[in-house]
Amino acid sequence: MKLLRFRQGCRQGGRLLLALTLVGVAAAPATAAAGGGYTQTKYPIVLCHGMAGFDDLFGIYEYFSGIPQALKKDGATVFVTEVPQFNATEARGEALLAQVEEILAITGAQKVNLIGHSHGGLDVRYVASVAPQLVASVTTVGSPHQGAELADFLRSNVKEGGFTEAVLGLFANSLGKLLALLSGANNPQDAIAALGALSSEGAALFNSQHPAGLPDKWCGEGAKVVDGIHYYSWTGERSLTNILDPSDALLGLASIVYDEDNDGLVGQCSAHLGAVIRDDYRLNHLDEVNQAFGLVHLFGPDPKSLFRIHANRLKNEGM
């Protein structure tokens, strides 16, 4: 089977840049044809990246490293979407919604299974909230549903409207434009809006408008099914996992501002949504999507296997 790549348009003044990677539609594997493979869900799986994310760079370096291939191996149909790297959840969510609608048009499916990492977990919640008829399940991986303490730290130490905020915004927006360019996209960037969205104050406002799946108490579990949509979450709780991975040092430094166990960017309890599969994997924030280059904890889980197991879970739930 080969990967089919779709790129259409640009989101400028209402037009949407659509960067999709389709896995598994061109031909069904033998296991699927014989009655369904291990990962062959009823509805397409849509993978949604976090802040500073992308589908892939130069068509080679993937955000969800090796995960689409691991899912499609036994029958899954997988799309990898791309939204603005730095922007408010609503802006990212609207971009994702437009892509979901096109995925449904391409496949003829009635619904999708959304899986979002980091900020992408808020994006998928937004889509499920505003267009529930299009969504079978929402799964979030290392997503800051109650906000991220690093965002609060930056927000409290960067004066609103000041020089430092302008410099921070310029740097992040430029990074976002570069990542979009390298992935063949042209996404609108607003780093300050993104920072606000990931703060505890921004998360509280978002949660008041899109509450489905949220726990009733701190560090609890939320409703597994809301309006027919199934909600799941998992996360890691280690910031330092592999001495060979240069990104570990940055995550270890970021973790200093957190009061609770965390994956380097998101607190363990903040990541809870719906049915919590686990919140203590030996994974950091980048390990959760098999970054960088698969350099994860020697005694931790294989991130690709976690996604495969979850696809099978969705399949067994009839999704």
Protein backbone atom coordinates (compact mmCIF):
# COMPACT_ATOMS: atom_id res chain seq x y z
CA MET A 1 0.00 0.00 0.00
CA LYS A 2 1.17 3.48 -0.70
CA LEU A 3 0.52 6.79 0.98
CA LEU A 4 -1.69 9.19 -0.94
CA ARG A 5 -1.03 12.86 -0.23
CA PHE A 6 -3.56 15.64 -0.63
CA ARG A 7 -2.75 19.36 -0.53
CA GLN A 8 -5.29 21.97 -1.47
CA GLY A 9 -5.58 25.70 -1.26
CA CYS A 10 -4.44 28.17 1.36
CA ARG A 11 -6.28 29.53 4.33
CA GLN A 12 -6.11 33.24 3.66
CA GLY A 13 -9.24 35.27 4.23
CA GLY A 14 -11.37 32.18 4.70
CA ARG A 15 -9.70 29.76 2.30
CA LEU A 16 -8.25 26.74 4.02
CA LEU A 17 -4.85 25.22 3.57
CA LEU A 18 -5.46 21.50 3.67
CA ALA A 19 -2.49 19.23 4.25
CA LEU A 20 -3.58 15.65 4.62
CA THR A 21 -1.82 12.33 4.58
CA LEU A 22 -4.09 9.43 3.76
CA VAL A 23 -3.04 5.92 4.71
CA GLY A 24 -4.98 2.85 3.81
CA VAL A 25 -7.65 3.99 1.37
CA ALA A 26 -6.03 2.99 -1.90
CA ALA A 27 -6.16 -0.71 -1.10
CA ALA A 28 -7.29 -2.80 1.84
CA PRO A 29 -4.74 -5.18 3.37
CA ALA A 30 -5.40 -8.89 3.21
CA THR A 31 -6.18 -9.06 6.93
CA ALA A 32 -8.83 -6.37 6.58
CA ALA A 33 -10.39 -8.05 3.57
CA ALA A 34 -10.62 -11.29 5.55
CA GLY A 35 -12.80 -9.71 8.24
CA GLY A 36 -10.94 -6.79 9.75
CA GLY A 37 -7.39 -6.23 10.89
CA TYR A 38 -6.26 -5.39 14.41
CA THR A 39 -6.36 -1.63 13.81
CA GLN A 40 -9.18 -1.47 11.26
CA THR A 41 -11.64 0.92 12.84
CA LYS A 42 -15.09 1.57 11.41
CA TYR A 43 -14.30 5.26 10.98
CA PRO A 44 -11.07 6.94 9.78
CA ILE A 45 -8.49 7.91 12.40
CA VAL A 46 -7.46 11.56 12.24
CA LEU A 47 -4.18 12.53 13.95
CA CYS A 48 -3.90 16.16 15.06
CA HIS A 49 -0.59 17.79 16.07
CA GLY A 50 0.20 20.14 18.93
CA MET A 51 1.77 23.58 19.17
CA ALA A 52 4.69 24.06 16.76
CA GLY A 53 3.58 20.89 15.02
CA PHE A 54 3.14 19.85 11.40
CA ASP A 55 2.17 16.84 9.35
CA ASP A 56 5.70 16.30 8.08
CA LEU A 57 8.72 18.34 7.00
CA PHE A 58 9.98 17.98 3.43
CA GLY A 59 7.66 14.97 3.16
CA ILE A 60 10.14 13.01 5.30
CA TYR A 61 10.22 13.97 8.98
CA GLU A 62 6.88 13.18 10.61
CA TYR A 63 5.36 14.74 13.70
CA PHE A 64 3.66 11.43 14.54
CA SER A 65 6.86 9.52 13.87
CA GLY A 66 6.08 6.12 12.36
CA ILE A 67 2.61 6.08 13.93
CA PRO A 68 0.47 6.31 10.75
CA GLN A 69 2.40 3.39 9.25
CA ALA A 70 2.01 1.35 12.44
CA LEU A 71 -1.74 1.94 12.37
CA LYS A 72 -2.25 1.23 8.68
CA LYS A 73 -0.27 -2.01 8.91
CA ASP A 74 -3.38 -3.89 10.05
CA GLY A 75 -6.13 -2.02 8.29
CA ALA A 76 -6.55 1.49 9.69
CA THR A 77 -7.41 4.42 7.46
CA VAL A 78 -5.36 7.34 8.79
CA PHE A 79 -5.23 11.05 8.03
CA VAL A 80 -2.61 13.42 9.45
CA THR A 81 -3.84 17.01 9.49
CA GLU A 82 -2.08 20.34 9.80
CA VAL A 83 -3.38 23.50 11.46
CA PRO A 84 -1.71 26.82 12.42
CA GLN A 85 1.38 26.04 14.47
CA PHE A 86 0.77 28.91 16.92
CA ASN A 87 -2.76 30.23 17.32
CA ALA A 88 -5.84 30.23 19.52
CA THR A 89 -7.65 26.92 19.94
CA GLU A 90 -10.69 28.25 18.11
CA ALA A 91 -8.61 29.22 15.06
CA ARG A 92 -6.82 25.87 15.04
CA GLY A 93 -10.12 24.07 15.65
CA GLU A 94 -11.84 25.77 12.72
CA ALA A 95 -8.96 24.78 10.44
CA LEU A 96 -9.24 21.20 11.70
CA LEU A 97 -13.02 21.16 11.24
CA ALA A 98 -12.68 22.13 7.57
CA GLN A 99 -10.20 19.27 7.08
CA VAL A 100 -12.48 16.79 8.86
CA GLU A 101 -15.29 17.77 6.51
CA GLU A 102 -13.04 17.13 3.52
CA ILE A 103 -11.88 13.80 4.95
CA LEU A 104 -15.50 12.71 5.19
CA ALA A 105 -16.10 13.82 1.62
CA ILE A 106 -13.03 11.92 0.42
CA THR A 107 -13.80 8.68 2.25
CA GLY A 108 -17.59 8.70 2.30
CA ALA A 109 -17.43 7.97 6.03
CA GLN A 110 -20.07 9.42 8.35
CA LYS A 111 -17.73 10.18 11.25
CA VAL A 112 -14.08 10.24 12.30
CA ASN A 113 -12.03 9.17 15.32
CA LEU A 114 -10.04 12.23 16.40
CA ILE A 115 -6.71 11.82 18.23
CA GLY A 116 -4.96 15.02 19.33
CA HIS A 117 -1.56 15.47 20.94
CA SER A 118 -0.81 18.43 23.23
CA HIS A 119 -2.66 21.54 21.95
CA GLY A 120 -4.17 19.25 19.33
CA GLY A 121 -6.21 17.67 22.12
CA LEU A 122 -7.99 20.98 22.63
CA ASP A 123 -8.52 21.31 18.88
CA VAL A 124 -10.28 17.94 18.68
CA ARG A 125 -12.48 18.84 21.65
CA TYR A 126 -13.49 22.01 19.80
CA VAL A 127 -14.49 20.07 16.68
CA ALA A 128 -16.47 17.56 18.75
CA SER A 129 -18.24 20.41 20.51
CA VAL A 130 -19.25 22.45 17.44
CA ALA A 131 -19.85 19.52 15.05
CA PRO A 132 -20.68 16.46 17.21
CA GLN A 133 -22.45 14.74 14.32
CA LEU A 134 -19.06 14.31 12.60
CA VAL A 135 -17.19 12.71 15.50
CA ALA A 136 -17.28 9.14 16.83
CA SER A 137 -14.50 9.51 19.41
CA VAL A 138 -12.10 12.03 20.91
CA THR A 139 -8.74 10.92 22.29
CA THR A 140 -6.20 13.31 23.77
CA VAL A 141 -2.54 12.55 24.43
CA GLY A 142 -0.58 14.79 26.79
CA SER A 143 -3.07 17.65 26.41
CA PRO A 144 -3.32 20.55 28.91
CA HIS A 145 -7.07 20.57 29.54
CA GLN A 146 -6.64 22.63 32.71
CA GLY A 147 -3.84 24.72 31.23
CA ALA A 148 -0.06 24.36 31.33
CA GLU A 149 1.99 25.83 34.16
CA LEU A 150 4.71 26.82 31.72
CA ALA A 151 2.18 28.99 29.87
CA ASP A 152 1.15 30.57 33.20
CA PHE A 153 4.82 31.21 34.04
CA LEU A 154 5.45 32.90 30.72
CA ARG A 155 2.21 34.87 30.84
CA SER A 156 2.95 36.18 34.34
CA ASN A 157 6.52 37.13 33.46
CA VAL A 158 5.87 38.72 30.08
CA LYS A 159 4.17 42.10 30.28
CA GLU A 160 1.10 42.28 28.09
CA GLY A 161 1.74 44.67 25.23
CA GLY A 162 5.36 45.11 26.29
CA PHE A 163 8.63 44.76 24.41
CA THR A 164 9.30 41.22 25.66
CA GLU A 165 5.89 40.05 24.52
CA ALA A 166 6.51 41.58 21.09
CA VAL A 167 9.87 39.81 20.80
CA LEU A 168 8.40 36.50 21.98
CA GLY A 169 5.52 36.82 19.54
CA LEU A 170 7.81 37.71 16.65
CA PHE A 171 10.11 34.75 17.32
CA ALA A 172 7.31 32.21 17.72
CA ASN A 173 5.34 33.50 14.75
CA SER A 174 8.47 33.35 12.60
CA LEU A 175 9.11 29.78 13.78
CA GLY A 176 5.54 28.85 12.97
CA LYS A 177 5.80 30.32 9.48
CA LEU A 178 9.05 28.44 8.91
CA LEU A 179 7.57 25.12 10.04
CA ALA A 180 4.53 25.71 7.86
CA LEU A 181 6.76 26.54 4.90
CA LEU A 182 8.86 23.41 5.39
CA SER A 183 5.69 21.32 5.45
CA GLY A 184 4.34 22.99 2.32
CA ALA A 185 1.70 25.07 4.08
CA ASN A 186 0.91 28.73 4.74
CA ASN A 187 -0.82 28.95 8.09
CA PRO A 188 -1.82 32.13 9.98
CA GLN A 189 0.20 32.49 13.19
CA ASP A 190 -0.68 34.22 16.49
CA ALA A 191 1.71 33.06 19.20
CA ILE A 192 0.34 35.35 21.90
CA ALA A 193 -3.16 33.98 21.34
CA ALA A 194 -1.71 30.46 21.59
CA LEU A 195 0.00 31.33 24.88
CA GLY A 196 -3.27 32.64 26.26
CA ALA A 197 -5.14 29.54 25.15
CA LEU A 198 -2.76 27.24 27.03
CA SER A 199 -2.75 29.26 30.26
CA SER A 200 -4.97 28.13 33.13
CA GLU A 201 -7.17 31.19 32.61
CA GLY A 202 -7.54 30.51 28.90
CA ALA A 203 -8.22 26.82 29.54
CA ALA A 204 -10.93 27.70 32.09
CA LEU A 205 -12.69 29.92 29.55
CA PHE A 206 -12.44 27.25 26.86
CA ASN A 207 -13.68 24.57 29.27
CA SER A 208 -16.74 26.66 30.17
CA GLN A 209 -17.72 26.68 26.50
CA HIS A 210 -16.68 23.12 25.60
CA PRO A 211 -17.02 20.99 28.77
CA ALA A 212 -17.64 17.50 27.35
CA GLY A 213 -15.46 14.81 28.91
CA LEU A 214 -13.94 17.02 31.60
CA PRO A 215 -13.58 15.57 35.13
CA ASP A 216 -15.91 16.92 37.81
CA LYS A 217 -13.03 17.05 40.28
CA TRP A 218 -9.31 17.65 40.04
CA CYS A 219 -7.41 14.62 38.74
CA GLY A 220 -10.58 12.62 38.31
CA GLU A 221 -12.09 11.04 35.22
CA GLY A 222 -14.74 12.57 33.01
CA ALA A 223 -17.75 10.99 31.37
CA LYS A 224 -16.66 8.35 28.89
CA VAL A 225 -19.56 9.05 26.52
CA VAL A 226 -21.17 12.45 25.95
CA ASP A 227 -23.83 12.91 23.26
CA GLY A 228 -22.73 9.65 21.66
CA ILE A 229 -19.05 10.66 21.45
CA HIS A 230 -16.52 8.51 23.33
CA TYR A 231 -13.77 10.38 25.22
CA TYR A 232 -10.35 8.98 26.17
CA SER A 233 -6.99 10.32 27.32
CA TRP A 234 -3.49 9.21 28.25
CA THR A 235 -0.21 10.90 29.09
CA GLY A 236 3.34 10.38 30.26
CA GLU A 237 4.83 11.68 33.52
CA ARG A 238 8.59 11.77 32.91
CA SER A 239 10.48 14.75 31.53
CA LEU A 240 13.84 12.98 31.22
CA THR A 241 13.70 9.61 29.50
CA ASN A 242 16.69 9.12 27.20
CA ILE A 243 20.16 10.62 27.61
CA LEU A 244 20.69 10.39 23.84
CA ASP A 245 17.68 12.60 23.08
CA PRO A 246 18.74 16.30 23.01
CA SER A 247 15.13 17.45 23.49
CA ASP A 248 15.07 15.89 26.98
CA ALA A 249 17.22 18.69 28.38
CA LEU A 250 14.70 21.33 27.28
CA LEU A 251 11.79 19.37 28.71
CA GLY A 252 13.68 18.81 31.94
CA LEU A 253 14.27 22.55 32.23
CA ALA A 254 10.62 23.36 31.50
CA SER A 255 9.43 20.85 34.10
CA ILE A 256 10.97 22.92 36.90
CA VAL A 257 7.98 25.30 36.97
CA TYR A 258 5.47 22.47 37.58
CA ASP A 259 4.10 21.51 41.00
CA GLU A 260 2.72 18.13 39.89
CA ASP A 261 4.24 15.20 38.02
CA ASN A 262 4.43 16.07 34.35
CA ASP A 263 5.75 15.06 30.95
CA GLY A 264 7.91 18.17 30.68
CA LEU A 265 5.13 20.42 29.35
CA VAL A 266 1.80 19.13 30.65
CA GLY A 267 0.84 18.19 34.20
CA GLN A 268 -0.34 14.66 34.89
CA CYS A 269 -3.79 15.66 36.15
CA SER A 270 -4.27 18.45 33.63
CA ALA A 271 -4.15 15.78 30.92
CA HIS A 272 -7.23 13.94 32.24
CA LEU A 273 -10.25 13.75 29.95
CA GLY A 274 -13.01 11.18 29.69
CA ALA A 275 -11.81 7.64 30.38
CA VAL A 276 -8.19 7.95 31.51
CA ILE A 277 -6.34 5.02 30.00
CA ARG A 278 -3.15 5.82 31.96
CA ASP A 279 -1.47 8.96 33.25
CA ASP A 280 1.87 7.54 34.33
CA TYR A 281 3.60 6.19 31.23
CA ARG A 282 7.40 6.47 31.21
CA LEU A 283 7.15 8.99 28.39
CA ASN A 284 7.85 12.68 28.07
CA HIS A 285 5.88 15.11 25.94
CA LEU A 286 7.72 14.31 22.71
CA ASP A 287 8.03 10.59 23.43
CA GLU A 288 4.23 10.46 23.33
CA VAL A 289 4.40 10.87 19.54
CA ASN A 290 7.59 8.80 19.21
CA GLN A 291 9.93 11.82 19.05
CA ALA A 292 12.70 12.42 18.58
CA PHE A 293 13.64 9.58 16.20
CA GLY A 294 12.10 7.02 18.54
CA LEU A 295 14.56 7.77 21.38
CA VAL A 296 12.26 6.93 24.28
CA HIS A 297 12.69 5.37 27.73
CA LEU A 298 14.46 1.99 27.57
CA PHE A 299 11.88 0.46 29.93
CA GLY A 300 8.93 2.51 28.79
CA PRO A 301 6.19 1.60 26.31
CA ASP A 302 6.55 1.80 22.55
CA PRO A 303 4.44 4.87 21.58
CA LYS A 304 3.47 3.22 18.29
CA SER A 305 2.08 0.26 20.21
CA LEU A 306 -0.03 2.56 22.39
CA PHE A 307 -1.68 4.00 19.28
CA ARG A 308 -2.19 0.53 17.82
CA ILE A 309 -3.75 -0.77 21.03
CA HIS A 310 -6.03 2.24 21.11
CA ALA A 311 -7.10 1.73 17.50
CA ASN A 312 -8.04 -1.82 18.44
CA ARG A 313 -9.94 -0.44 21.45
CA LEU A 314 -11.91 1.86 19.16
CA LYS A 315 -12.56 -1.00 16.77
CA ASN A 316 -13.90 -3.20 19.56
CA GLU A 317 -16.16 -0.34 20.69
CA GLY A 318 -17.68 -0.27 17.22
CA MET A 319 -15.96 2.90 16.07
